[in-house]
């Protein structure tokens, strides 16, 4: 069973990529972490580290979105992670002071005054 420095050989003889790397994606996004093949389709799994080297979060990436992969050392990946921070998706909310005040309810979900006019027309006939 032969292996090289960039992965390990599977039972079928294929070498699986398992390497610390800087991954550049289309859309000017750069992720740094341990890159392996994800168990879903042909996706890449990028485990982005915390400063202590443990996994902070994981991102699955379609390989068609990858522009470049540069293998690097673990120590360099941990040093670069703060430079290339790409946090997971989080909801965006306005600060409390910037939120618009809620309009008072009139009992009609889409009340633009039309409901009153329609009712008045029917009563006149």
Protein backbone atom coordinates (compact mmCIF):
# COMPACT_ATOMS: atom_id res chain seq x y z
CA UNK A 1 0.00 0.00 0.00
CA UNK A 2 1.72 3.19 -1.20
CA UNK A 3 0.92 6.65 0.11
CA UNK A 4 2.33 10.10 -0.44
CA UNK A 5 2.57 13.17 1.79
CA UNK A 6 -0.79 14.57 0.60
CA UNK A 7 -3.14 11.78 1.59
CA UNK A 8 -3.70 8.16 2.37
CA UNK A 9 -4.44 5.23 0.13
CA UNK A 10 -7.92 3.72 0.25
CA UNK A 11 -8.75 0.02 -0.21
CA UNK A 12 -9.30 0.56 -3.94
CA UNK A 13 -5.85 2.08 -4.38
CA UNK A 14 -7.10 5.67 -4.76
CA UNK A 15 -5.30 8.35 -2.77
CA UNK A 16 -7.67 10.50 -0.71
CA UNK A 17 -6.66 14.14 -0.28
CA UNK A 18 -6.13 15.01 3.38
CA UNK A 19 -4.06 18.15 3.73
CA UNK A 20 -3.89 21.55 5.42
CA UNK A 21 -4.48 24.10 2.69
CA UNK A 22 -5.45 27.60 1.66
CA UNK A 23 -8.55 27.24 -0.57
CA UNK A 24 -9.47 30.10 -2.87
CA UNK A 25 -13.07 30.12 -4.09
CA UNK A 26 -14.73 32.11 -6.84
CA UNK A 27 -16.32 35.23 -5.37
CA UNK A 28 -13.13 36.39 -3.62
CA UNK A 29 -13.53 33.99 -0.69
CA UNK A 30 -10.49 32.35 0.89
CA UNK A 31 -10.73 29.60 3.50
CA UNK A 32 -7.85 28.07 5.43
CA UNK A 33 -8.06 24.68 7.10
CA UNK A 34 -7.77 20.94 6.79
CA UNK A 35 -9.16 19.80 3.43
CA UNK A 36 -10.57 16.33 2.84
CA UNK A 37 -13.18 14.77 0.58
CA UNK A 38 -16.67 15.08 2.04
CA UNK A 39 -18.91 12.00 2.24
CA UNK A 40 -21.51 13.89 0.14
CA UNK A 41 -20.94 13.73 -3.61
CA UNK A 42 -17.65 15.22 -4.78
CA UNK A 43 -17.70 18.04 -2.23
CA UNK A 44 -14.60 19.17 -0.38
CA UNK A 45 -14.74 19.38 3.39
CA UNK A 46 -12.83 22.28 4.91
CA UNK A 47 -12.37 22.15 8.69
CA UNK A 48 -11.47 25.72 9.70
CA UNK A 49 -9.37 25.76 12.87
CA UNK A 50 -9.46 27.86 16.02
CA UNK A 51 -6.17 29.45 17.11
CA UNK A 52 -5.51 26.37 19.30
CA UNK A 53 -5.79 24.06 16.25
CA UNK A 54 -9.13 22.45 17.09
CA UNK A 55 -11.96 22.73 14.56
CA UNK A 56 -13.97 25.95 14.85
CA UNK A 57 -16.44 25.10 12.08
CA UNK A 58 -16.74 23.07 8.88
CA UNK A 59 -17.69 24.13 5.36
CA UNK A 60 -18.62 21.80 2.49
CA UNK A 61 -17.63 23.23 -0.88
CA UNK A 62 -18.53 22.22 -4.42
CA UNK A 63 -15.23 21.66 -6.27
CA UNK A 64 -16.56 23.69 -9.21
CA UNK A 65 -16.38 26.76 -6.94
CA UNK A 66 -12.67 26.24 -6.24
CA UNK A 67 -10.19 28.51 -8.00
CA UNK A 68 -7.02 27.25 -6.30
CA UNK A 69 -5.83 24.96 -3.51
CA UNK A 70 -2.42 25.63 -1.97
CA UNK A 71 -1.16 22.95 0.44
CA UNK A 72 0.42 24.52 3.53
CA UNK A 73 1.59 23.39 6.96
CA UNK A 74 -0.72 23.09 9.94
CA UNK A 75 1.13 25.85 11.77
CA UNK A 76 0.82 28.23 8.81
CA UNK A 77 -2.90 27.41 8.45
CA UNK A 78 -3.51 28.28 12.11
CA UNK A 79 -1.51 31.51 11.72
CA UNK A 80 -3.46 32.49 8.57
CA UNK A 81 -6.93 31.65 9.85
CA UNK A 82 -7.47 35.09 11.42
CA UNK A 83 -6.47 36.79 8.17
CA UNK A 84 -9.03 34.81 6.16
CA UNK A 85 -12.02 34.76 8.50
CA UNK A 86 -15.17 33.57 6.75
CA UNK A 87 -17.69 33.04 9.51
CA UNK A 88 -20.67 30.73 9.06
CA UNK A 89 -23.98 32.22 7.96
CA UNK A 90 -25.73 34.16 10.71
CA UNK A 91 -28.96 36.16 10.56
CA UNK A 92 -28.60 39.90 10.12
CA UNK A 93 -30.65 42.08 12.42
CA UNK A 94 -30.90 45.83 12.76
CA UNK A 95 -29.94 47.33 16.11
CA UNK A 96 -33.00 47.97 18.33
CA UNK A 97 -32.78 51.75 17.81
CA UNK A 98 -32.86 51.42 13.99
CA UNK A 99 -35.90 49.11 13.79
CA UNK A 100 -39.09 50.72 12.45
CA UNK A 101 -41.99 51.02 14.86
CA UNK A 102 -44.80 48.53 14.30
CA UNK A 103 -47.92 50.01 12.70
CA UNK A 104 -51.13 49.63 14.69
CA UNK A 105 -53.32 46.73 13.55
CA UNK A 106 -56.68 47.55 11.94
CA UNK A 107 -57.94 43.97 11.94
CA UNK A 108 -57.31 43.54 8.20
CA UNK A 109 -54.03 42.00 7.19
CA UNK A 110 -53.71 44.04 3.95
CA UNK A 111 -55.81 47.05 4.90
CA UNK A 112 -55.34 49.94 2.49
CA UNK A 113 -58.82 51.33 3.00
CA UNK A 114 -60.25 49.27 0.14
CA UNK A 115 -62.23 47.00 2.48
CA UNK A 116 -64.36 49.86 3.75
CA UNK A 117 -65.10 51.17 0.25
CA UNK A 118 -66.23 47.73 -1.03
CA UNK A 119 -68.62 47.25 1.92
CA UNK A 120 -70.13 50.73 1.40
CA UNK A 121 -70.78 50.07 -2.30
CA UNK A 122 -72.75 46.88 -1.57
CA UNK A 123 -74.92 48.58 1.09
CA UNK A 124 -76.05 51.33 -1.33
CA UNK A 125 -77.65 48.95 -3.91
